[in-house]
Protein backbone atom coordinates (compact mmCIF):
# COMPACT_ATOMS: atom_id res chain seq x y z
CA MET A 1 30.78 9.38 -107.08
CA ALA A 2 32.54 8.67 -103.78
CA ILE A 3 30.49 8.13 -100.66
CA THR A 4 32.19 8.78 -97.21
CA SER A 5 30.37 7.30 -93.98
CA SER A 6 31.54 8.83 -90.16
CA THR A 7 29.83 7.41 -87.07
CA THR A 8 29.72 9.72 -83.68
CA THR A 9 31.01 8.35 -80.65
CA ALA A 10 28.50 7.95 -77.99
CA LEU A 11 28.50 9.96 -74.42
CA ASP A 12 29.95 8.92 -71.51
CA VAL A 13 26.97 9.81 -69.68
CA PRO A 14 27.81 9.42 -66.07
CA THR A 15 31.29 11.06 -66.27
CA LEU A 16 29.34 13.53 -68.20
CA VAL A 17 26.77 14.32 -65.62
CA SER A 18 29.80 13.97 -62.50
CA GLN A 19 31.40 16.31 -64.23
CA LEU A 20 28.65 18.92 -64.76
CA MET A 21 27.50 18.25 -61.12
CA ALA A 22 30.72 18.98 -59.66
CA VAL A 23 30.23 22.43 -60.92
CA GLU A 24 26.62 22.82 -59.75
CA ARG A 25 27.57 21.58 -56.26
CA ARG A 26 30.68 24.57 -55.60
CA PRO A 27 27.71 26.64 -53.84
CA ILE A 28 27.34 23.69 -51.03
CA ASP A 29 31.02 23.17 -50.76
CA THR A 30 31.43 26.45 -49.80
CA LEU A 31 28.35 26.17 -47.45
CA ASN A 32 30.20 22.89 -45.88
CA THR A 33 33.14 25.15 -45.47
CA GLN A 34 31.32 27.56 -43.60
CA ILE A 35 30.02 25.19 -41.35
CA THR A 36 32.94 23.41 -40.71
CA SER A 37 34.74 27.31 -40.06
CA TYR A 38 31.56 27.80 -37.64
CA GLN A 39 32.21 24.39 -36.08
CA THR A 40 35.56 25.10 -35.00
CA LYS A 41 34.73 28.22 -33.40
CA ILE A 42 32.02 26.46 -31.29
CA SER A 43 34.36 23.74 -30.54
CA SER A 44 36.78 26.83 -29.59
CA PHE A 45 34.03 28.36 -27.21
CA GLY A 46 33.84 24.90 -25.27
CA THR A 47 37.52 25.02 -24.45
CA LEU A 48 37.37 28.16 -23.54
CA SER A 49 34.35 27.56 -21.24
CA GLY A 50 35.99 25.22 -19.70
CA LEU A 51 39.03 27.08 -19.03
CA VAL A 52 36.83 29.71 -17.58
CA SER A 53 35.06 27.27 -14.99
CA SER A 54 38.63 26.45 -13.89
CA PHE A 55 39.39 29.93 -13.14
CA GLN A 56 36.49 30.16 -11.32
CA THR A 57 36.83 27.39 -9.31
CA ALA A 58 40.37 28.79 -8.77
CA ALA A 59 39.23 32.09 -7.47
CA GLN A 60 36.96 30.62 -5.46
CA ASN A 61 38.76 28.19 -3.72
CA LEU A 62 41.88 31.01 -3.24
CA GLY A 63 39.13 32.82 -1.60
CA THR A 64 37.96 30.19 0.73
CA THR A 65 41.68 28.55 1.38
CA LEU A 66 42.69 31.97 3.28
CA GLN A 67 40.12 30.84 6.03
CA LYS A 68 41.71 27.58 6.21
CA LEU A 69 43.95 26.98 9.52
CA ALA A 70 46.58 23.80 9.78
CA ALA A 71 46.56 22.40 13.53
CA THR A 72 50.03 20.68 13.95
CA PRO A 73 50.31 18.51 16.77
CA SER A 74 54.03 17.86 18.31
CA ASP A 75 53.64 14.51 18.40
CA PRO A 76 51.82 12.75 15.59
CA SER A 77 51.71 9.57 17.03
CA VAL A 78 49.78 10.67 20.11
CA PHE A 79 46.63 12.60 18.22
CA SER A 80 46.03 14.60 14.92
CA ALA A 81 44.19 17.57 14.33
CA THR A 82 42.17 19.28 12.12
CA ALA A 83 41.00 22.97 11.99
CA GLY A 84 37.98 24.59 11.11
CA SER A 85 36.69 28.09 9.55
CA THR A 86 35.90 28.93 13.61
CA ALA A 87 39.26 27.74 14.85
CA VAL A 88 41.36 30.52 16.54
CA PRO A 89 45.05 30.57 15.65
CA GLY A 90 46.76 29.49 19.23
CA ASN A 91 49.22 27.08 20.86
CA TYR A 92 47.39 24.58 23.60
CA THR A 93 48.87 21.46 25.50
CA VAL A 94 47.32 18.28 25.40
CA GLU A 95 47.57 15.41 27.68
CA VAL A 96 45.91 11.87 26.98
CA SER A 97 45.47 9.54 29.50
CA LYS A 98 43.06 7.11 28.64
CA LEU A 99 41.86 5.98 25.03
CA ALA A 100 38.28 5.36 24.44
CA GLN A 101 37.22 1.73 23.39
CA SER A 102 34.31 -0.75 22.97
CA GLN A 103 33.59 -3.69 25.10
CA SER A 104 34.22 -7.07 24.08
CA LEU A 105 32.70 -10.04 25.30
CA VAL A 106 33.38 -13.91 24.45
CA ALA A 107 31.02 -16.68 25.01
CA ALA A 108 31.88 -20.29 25.54
CA GLY A 109 33.76 -22.64 23.61
CA GLN A 110 32.14 -24.77 21.19
CA ALA A 111 33.27 -28.03 19.73
CA SER A 112 31.67 -27.05 16.14
CA SER A 113 30.92 -23.48 14.23
CA THR A 114 28.69 -25.07 12.09
CA ALA A 115 26.51 -27.76 14.50
CA ALA A 116 22.90 -27.11 16.21
CA ILE A 117 22.98 -25.27 18.93
CA GLY A 118 19.86 -26.20 21.19
CA ASN A 119 16.30 -27.78 19.52
CA GLY A 120 15.84 -25.12 17.28
CA THR A 121 12.66 -23.53 19.31
CA ALA A 122 12.53 -19.81 18.19
CA THR A 123 14.50 -17.49 20.51
CA THR A 124 14.69 -13.52 20.85
CA VAL A 125 17.68 -12.60 21.54
CA THR A 126 18.06 -8.63 22.68
CA PHE A 127 20.64 -6.11 23.09
CA ASP A 128 20.69 -3.12 25.08
CA PHE A 129 23.32 -0.57 25.63
CA GLY A 130 24.22 1.43 28.75
CA THR A 131 26.73 1.71 31.77
CA ILE A 132 28.44 -0.74 33.81
CA GLY A 133 28.70 0.62 37.60
CA GLY A 134 30.35 0.02 41.14
CA GLY A 135 30.67 -3.39 41.87
CA THR A 136 33.95 -5.15 41.20
CA LEU A 137 35.42 -7.00 37.74
CA THR A 138 37.70 -10.17 37.99
CA ASN A 139 38.59 -12.22 35.11
CA GLY A 140 36.32 -10.54 32.83
CA VAL A 141 32.90 -11.36 35.14
CA TYR A 142 31.13 -8.29 37.29
CA SER A 143 30.02 -8.89 40.59
CA GLY A 144 27.75 -6.26 42.74
CA ALA A 145 27.75 -3.72 39.79
CA ALA A 146 24.82 -2.32 38.30
CA PHE A 147 23.73 -2.04 34.66
CA THR A 148 21.79 1.55 33.52
CA SER A 149 20.66 1.47 29.72
CA ASN A 150 21.51 4.91 27.87
CA GLY A 151 17.87 5.27 27.05
CA ASN A 152 18.70 4.70 22.89
CA GLY A 153 16.20 1.71 22.85
CA THR A 154 16.96 -1.94 22.07
CA ALA A 155 17.59 -4.22 19.29
CA SER A 156 16.00 -7.87 18.65
CA ILE A 157 17.21 -10.78 16.29
CA THR A 158 15.13 -14.17 16.35
CA ILE A 159 17.44 -17.47 17.11
CA ASP A 160 15.78 -20.58 15.46
CA SER A 161 16.08 -24.12 13.59
CA THR A 162 17.09 -21.91 10.73
CA ASN A 163 20.38 -20.18 11.90
CA ASN A 164 20.82 -22.06 15.40
CA THR A 165 24.58 -22.47 14.89
CA LEU A 166 27.75 -20.15 15.53
CA GLU A 167 28.15 -19.12 12.49
CA GLY A 168 24.25 -18.56 12.21
CA ILE A 169 23.82 -16.46 15.57
CA ARG A 170 27.11 -14.35 14.19
CA ASP A 171 25.48 -13.96 10.74
CA ALA A 172 22.17 -13.27 12.43
CA ILE A 173 24.01 -10.19 14.64
CA ASN A 174 26.01 -8.80 11.83
CA SER A 175 22.56 -8.86 9.47
CA ALA A 176 20.91 -6.93 11.69
CA ALA A 177 23.22 -3.89 11.81
CA MET A 178 22.14 -3.36 15.35
CA GLY A 179 25.45 -1.77 16.61
CA VAL A 180 27.02 -4.95 17.56
CA THR A 181 29.82 -7.04 15.61
CA ALA A 182 29.94 -10.67 15.90
CA THR A 183 33.34 -12.92 14.80
CA ILE A 184 34.26 -16.34 15.74
CA VAL A 185 37.21 -17.06 17.01
CA ASN A 186 39.09 -20.14 17.26
CA ASP A 187 41.34 -20.18 20.38
CA GLY A 188 43.09 -23.98 19.65
CA SER A 189 41.60 -25.64 22.81
CA GLY A 190 39.80 -29.29 22.52
CA THR A 191 36.04 -26.56 22.23
CA PRO A 192 38.02 -23.98 19.66
CA TYR A 193 35.17 -22.08 18.57
CA ARG A 194 34.04 -18.93 20.17
CA LEU A 195 31.88 -15.96 19.71
CA ALA A 196 32.87 -12.89 20.12
CA LEU A 197 30.79 -9.74 20.63
CA THR A 198 32.00 -6.12 19.86
CA SER A 199 29.93 -3.35 20.75
CA GLY A 200 30.09 -0.89 17.58
CA SER A 201 30.44 2.63 19.80
CA SER A 202 33.04 3.16 22.03
CA GLY A 203 32.39 4.77 25.64
CA ALA A 204 31.92 3.62 28.87
CA SER A 205 28.19 4.61 28.18
CA ASN A 206 27.82 1.71 25.26
CA SER A 207 28.36 -1.55 27.21
CA MET A 208 26.17 -4.47 26.33
CA LYS A 209 23.20 -5.90 28.25
CA ILE A 210 21.98 -9.30 26.02
CA THR A 211 18.84 -10.66 27.31
CA THR A 212 17.01 -13.90 25.97
CA SER A 213 13.32 -15.13 25.60
CA GLY A 214 11.78 -18.06 24.21
CA GLY A 215 11.60 -21.66 24.53
CA ASP A 216 15.43 -22.36 23.92
CA GLY A 217 17.48 -22.52 27.23
CA SER A 218 20.37 -23.64 25.18
CA ILE A 219 20.97 -20.06 23.53
CA GLY A 220 20.28 -18.17 26.63
CA SER A 221 22.93 -20.32 28.21
CA LEU A 222 25.33 -18.96 25.40
CA LEU A 223 24.49 -15.58 25.41
CA GLY A 224 22.75 -14.15 28.42
CA TYR A 225 24.89 -10.97 29.97
CA ASP A 226 23.87 -9.24 32.63
CA PRO A 227 26.32 -6.88 34.34
CA ALA A 228 24.28 -7.27 37.38
CA GLY A 229 23.40 -10.88 37.27
CA THR A 230 24.17 -13.64 35.43
CA GLN A 231 27.20 -13.56 32.43
CA ASN A 232 27.29 -16.47 30.56
CA LEU A 233 29.73 -14.13 28.33
CA THR A 234 32.92 -12.98 29.66
CA GLN A 235 34.65 -9.40 29.21
CA THR A 236 37.66 -9.15 27.35
CA ILE A 237 37.93 -5.44 26.86
CA ALA A 238 35.92 -3.09 29.14
CA ALA A 239 33.88 0.08 27.46
CA GLN A 240 35.60 3.06 28.48
CA ASN A 241 35.44 6.99 27.77
CA ALA A 242 38.76 8.70 26.73
CA ASP A 243 40.44 10.87 29.25
CA LEU A 244 42.49 14.05 28.60
CA THR A 245 43.26 17.74 29.22
CA VAL A 246 43.52 20.77 27.42
CA ASN A 247 45.53 23.43 28.92
CA GLY A 248 45.20 21.55 32.26
CA ILE A 249 41.40 21.74 31.54
CA ALA A 250 40.11 17.97 32.20
CA ILE A 251 37.66 16.51 28.91
CA THR A 252 35.67 13.17 28.81
CA SER A 253 34.63 11.87 25.35
CA ALA A 254 32.83 8.68 24.69
CA SER A 255 34.98 8.65 21.47
CA ASN A 256 38.62 8.94 20.40
CA THR A 257 37.44 11.91 17.43
CA VAL A 258 37.28 15.02 20.02
CA SER A 259 35.58 17.87 18.71
CA GLU A 260 34.51 20.37 21.55
CA ALA A 261 37.41 20.64 23.23
CA ILE A 262 39.24 23.29 21.14
CA GLN A 263 37.10 25.52 18.88
CA GLY A 264 37.07 24.50 15.67
CA VAL A 265 39.66 21.89 15.92
CA THR A 266 38.88 18.34 15.98
CA LEU A 267 41.41 15.84 18.08
CA THR A 268 41.95 12.52 16.37
CA LEU A 269 43.47 10.14 19.59
CA THR A 270 45.52 7.66 18.75
CA ASN A 271 47.98 6.80 21.86
CA THR A 272 48.46 8.14 25.64
CA THR A 273 50.95 10.72 26.34
CA ALA A 274 54.15 10.07 28.24
CA ALA A 275 54.56 14.03 28.55
CA PRO A 276 52.34 16.66 27.57
CA ALA A 277 52.28 17.10 23.83
CA SER A 278 51.93 20.53 22.15
CA LEU A 279 49.23 21.48 19.16
CA THR A 280 49.67 24.60 17.45
CA VAL A 281 46.73 26.36 15.27
CA ALA A 282 47.96 28.88 12.58
CA ARG A 283 47.43 29.78 9.15
CA ASP A 284 47.58 27.15 6.90
CA THR A 285 50.21 28.78 4.56
CA THR A 286 51.13 26.15 2.40
CA ALA A 287 47.54 25.57 1.17
CA ILE A 288 47.12 29.28 0.25
CA ASN A 289 50.24 29.32 -1.71
CA THR A 290 48.61 26.25 -3.61
CA ALA A 291 45.40 27.92 -3.73
CA ALA A 292 47.43 31.11 -5.02
CA SER A 293 49.81 29.20 -7.26
CA GLY A 294 46.66 27.37 -8.91
CA PHE A 295 44.62 30.61 -9.50
CA VAL A 296 48.04 31.82 -11.35
CA GLU A 297 47.92 28.57 -13.56
CA ALA A 298 44.28 28.91 -13.90
CA TYR A 299 44.26 32.54 -14.93
CA ASN A 300 47.49 32.12 -17.42
CA ALA A 301 45.75 28.81 -19.16
CA LEU A 302 42.81 30.76 -20.11
CA ALA A 303 44.80 34.29 -21.03
CA SER A 304 47.09 32.37 -23.47
CA GLN A 305 43.94 30.24 -25.20
CA ILE A 306 42.30 33.65 -25.65
CA LYS A 307 45.36 35.28 -27.01
CA SER A 308 46.33 31.73 -29.31
CA ARG A 309 42.63 31.68 -30.84
CA SER A 310 41.69 35.24 -31.68
CA ALA A 311 45.46 35.85 -33.51
CA TYR A 312 45.45 37.06 -36.70
CA ALA A 313 47.39 35.31 -39.16
CA THR A 314 50.79 36.25 -39.86
CA ASN A 315 53.67 35.40 -42.32
CA GLY A 316 54.37 32.15 -42.31
CA SER A 317 51.96 30.76 -39.55
CA THR A 318 47.81 30.70 -39.39
CA GLY A 319 45.69 32.54 -37.47
CA GLY A 320 43.44 31.44 -34.47
CA ALA A 321 40.08 29.54 -34.93
CA LEU A 322 38.36 32.70 -32.94
CA ALA A 323 40.42 35.91 -34.85
CA GLY A 324 38.51 38.85 -35.09
CA ASP A 325 36.02 37.88 -33.16
CA GLY A 326 34.54 40.29 -30.81
CA THR A 327 33.33 38.30 -27.89
CA LEU A 328 37.23 37.44 -27.22
CA ARG A 329 38.26 41.23 -27.04
CA VAL A 330 35.37 41.64 -25.06
CA MET A 331 36.25 38.95 -22.25
CA GLN A 332 39.52 40.44 -22.46
CA ASP A 333 38.74 43.86 -21.89
CA GLN A 334 36.20 42.98 -18.92
CA LEU A 335 39.25 41.01 -17.25
CA ARG A 336 41.59 43.89 -17.84
CA GLY A 337 39.00 46.41 -16.31
CA ILE A 338 38.85 43.61 -13.04
CA PHE A 339 42.37 43.78 -12.67
CA ASN A 340 43.01 47.35 -13.30
CA THR A 341 40.34 48.47 -10.50
CA PRO A 342 41.91 48.32 -7.11
CA ALA A 343 40.10 46.63 -4.25
CA SER A 344 38.62 48.60 -1.26
CA GLY A 345 38.30 48.37 2.16
CA GLY A 346 41.56 47.95 3.04
CA THR A 347 45.44 48.83 3.14
CA LEU A 348 45.84 46.68 0.34
CA THR A 349 44.40 47.32 -3.10
CA SER A 350 46.62 45.31 -5.64
CA LEU A 351 47.51 41.96 -6.30
CA ALA A 352 51.39 42.91 -7.18
CA GLU A 353 51.43 44.21 -3.42
CA VAL A 354 50.96 40.52 -2.20
CA GLY A 355 53.32 39.03 -5.05
CA ILE A 356 50.65 38.08 -7.95
CA ALA A 357 51.88 40.49 -10.58
CA PHE A 358 52.01 40.69 -14.55
CA GLN A 359 54.75 39.65 -16.96
CA LYS A 360 55.74 41.91 -19.93
CA ASP A 361 54.21 38.55 -22.01
CA GLY A 362 50.63 39.30 -20.22
CA SER A 363 50.94 36.65 -17.60
CA LEU A 364 50.67 36.42 -14.35
CA SER A 365 53.38 35.21 -11.42
CA LEU A 366 53.64 34.35 -7.90
CA ASP A 367 56.21 35.64 -5.50
CA SER A 368 55.40 33.46 -2.87
CA SER A 369 57.76 35.07 -0.19
CA LYS A 370 55.68 38.31 -0.66
CA LEU A 371 52.41 36.68 -0.22
CA ASN A 372 53.58 34.89 3.13
CA SER A 373 54.76 38.29 4.32
CA ALA A 374 51.84 40.31 3.89
CA ILE A 375 50.17 36.92 5.62
CA SER A 376 52.32 37.15 8.39
CA THR A 377 51.94 40.93 8.85
CA ASN A 378 48.77 41.82 7.26
CA PHE A 379 46.14 39.26 7.03
CA SER A 380 42.81 40.81 7.24
CA ASP A 381 44.04 43.17 4.43
CA VAL A 382 45.19 40.44 2.45
CA THR A 383 41.64 38.93 3.15
CA ASN A 384 39.85 41.91 2.18
CA LEU A 385 41.86 41.94 -1.44
CA PHE A 386 40.69 38.73 -2.26
CA SER A 387 37.38 37.82 -0.56
CA SER A 388 35.52 41.08 0.50
CA SER A 389 33.09 42.05 -1.83
CA THR A 390 35.46 44.30 -4.18
CA GLY A 391 38.14 41.61 -4.07
CA PHE A 392 39.82 40.31 -6.55
CA ALA A 393 38.35 36.47 -6.19
CA THR A 394 35.26 37.42 -5.53
CA ARG A 395 34.80 39.77 -8.51
CA LEU A 396 36.71 37.36 -10.96
CA ALA A 397 34.54 34.45 -9.72
CA ASP A 398 31.39 36.59 -10.48
CA TRP A 399 32.74 37.51 -13.83
CA ALA A 400 33.55 34.00 -14.44
CA GLN A 401 30.00 33.01 -13.58
CA SER A 402 28.36 36.01 -15.42
CA THR A 403 30.47 34.84 -19.03
CA LEU A 404 29.31 30.78 -18.25
CA ASP A 405 25.17 31.53 -17.28
CA PRO A 406 23.01 31.41 -20.19
CA GLY A 407 22.75 34.60 -21.81
CA GLY A 408 26.46 35.63 -21.30
CA LEU A 409 29.11 36.01 -23.63
CA ILE A 410 30.10 32.51 -24.32
CA ASP A 411 26.33 31.23 -24.42
CA THR A 412 25.24 33.98 -26.25
CA ARG A 413 27.91 33.76 -29.27
CA THR A 414 27.67 29.78 -29.06
CA GLN A 415 23.91 29.97 -29.65
CA SER A 416 24.79 32.85 -33.07
CA LEU A 417 27.54 30.10 -34.47
CA ASN A 418 25.18 27.39 -33.74
CA LYS A 419 22.12 29.24 -35.65
CA TYR A 420 25.07 29.81 -38.46
CA VAL A 421 25.46 26.13 -38.99
CA GLN A 422 21.68 25.53 -38.90
CA ASP A 423 20.57 28.02 -41.73
CA ARG A 424 23.47 26.73 -43.60
CA ASN A 425 22.53 22.91 -42.98
CA ASP A 426 18.34 24.40 -44.27
CA GLU A 427 20.56 25.64 -47.71
CA ILE A 428 22.38 22.85 -48.03
CA ASP A 429 19.25 20.57 -47.81
CA ARG A 430 17.34 22.83 -50.17
CA LEU A 431 20.25 22.55 -53.06
CA GLU A 432 20.47 18.95 -52.49
CA ASN A 433 17.14 18.41 -53.49
CA GLN A 434 17.65 20.81 -56.43
CA MET A 435 20.93 18.62 -57.02
CA THR A 436 19.35 15.52 -57.15
CA ALA A 437 16.23 17.18 -59.81
CA LEU A 438 19.07 18.64 -62.00
CA GLN A 439 20.89 15.72 -62.26
CA LYS A 440 17.98 13.51 -62.87
CA LYS A 441 17.50 16.41 -65.60
CA TYR A 442 21.07 15.82 -67.12
CA THR A 443 21.07 12.31 -66.90
CA ALA A 444 17.93 12.48 -68.82
CA GLU A 445 18.74 14.89 -71.94
CA TYR A 446 22.53 13.42 -72.38
CA THR A 447 20.70 10.16 -72.42
CA ASN A 448 18.29 11.11 -74.87
CA LEU A 449 21.34 13.00 -76.95
CA ASN A 450 22.54 9.09 -76.94
CA LEU A 451 19.65 8.09 -78.27
CA LEU A 452 19.70 10.84 -81.08
CA LEU A 453 23.25 10.01 -81.82
CA SER A 454 22.38 6.74 -82.05
CA ARG A 455 19.90 7.27 -84.25
CA MET A 456 21.86 9.65 -86.87
CA ASN A 457 24.31 6.84 -86.87
CA SER A 458 21.95 4.45 -87.65
CA THR A 459 20.48 6.46 -90.54
CA SER A 460 23.84 7.81 -91.99
CA THR A 461 24.98 3.96 -92.23
CA TYR A 462 21.64 3.46 -94.39
CA LEU A 463 22.02 6.09 -96.68
CA THR A 464 25.86 5.37 -97.21
CA GLN A 465 24.91 1.99 -97.82
CA GLN A 466 21.83 2.99 -100.28
CA LEU A 467 24.20 5.36 -102.26
CA SER A 468 26.62 2.61 -102.81
CA GLY A 469 24.58 0.69 -104.04
CA THR A 470 23.26 3.36 -106.44
CA SER A 471 26.54 4.01 -107.46
CA SER A 472 27.82 0.55 -108.34
CA LYS A 473 24.82 0.22 -110.98
């Protein structure tokens, strides 16, 4: 009798379980694919949100820029000018006979900038500011003059053994930030180091008076300065006001920045005039054209992204991330409605009348010459067309704000997509728990099956051996 023995091969449990789990995880893979799709949509709405915000800024900028005026001087080396919203277009004649300047004083020379001055006894140095009147000025020293404080208060520093050097005095003055700048000048003489003081404000009413009190007379001898009395410092530059005329009207200013001579215009004086200079205040067409161009570019960038992201797949091309999304259709319809609704309150009712028109591809273009013509001939209606309550810049900026606001189109849709993502993640978490349990179950089952197969193999081997022995007898 012939006995045949066969051995069953053990199962590769890890590989088998892995293959089974790959099948079981297909629902999770599907959910992850959905999450990726939703996250792509959320990212797309983030991009659109930024473009809507940029379009809002451009619309607002166009509305405000219409009110800008340019102030152009005939000789920029004499003065520059800026025009605010209250300026009035016109031509002005400006003559500058004197520039405003700050008083400068210089102390007697010292052999060293770091050697102690005096005995270090605490001394209070007080600065007052005001007007020097009358008297005569000879070689930087007044005689017979009077000093009248401007009433803005005094400021003081203390000089003692810790700072009683030229450098220490300089640093104490500058650290106090009291409207005086101190420097040390080296004039190259035998006692070259000289403390120079300059008033921080220009104008005749900001001349300095310096008094000292305390036990160290050396500090007083160095710094004491009374234009009406003892002057231990020498004046190198006298404080003075700017003198100018605008259309023949005399004007005095303590500063070279003059903001009240012409309504809404700030003049910055840099030189005196040898002959009358002119100032032209007019609509800033360059800025307006730049703002209009920015408006057109911002709209085109937004419209292009809405179009591409909402496009359906065609032969050979993939669709946009937001293809079929109703939110984009609503945005397009709302924009179309605004552009198709005329402005009211003026003779100009459409953007095309000022050179901003739609092209065949749905983009906007700007005809600058047409815009400039409308500005020069009918500026009030151009302003109304953009900036009135029914103006295009106003309505489009309002649309952008409502679209971006919490509860607006983009926010509502983004929250909805985020909810979809959260729901899918929750479902994945639930399924992952099931997968963990299922993997344990499969591993246990097939491990037990391997044990069973092993026992069967052992039994088979034993029986074969027993039967073989019986047969040999």
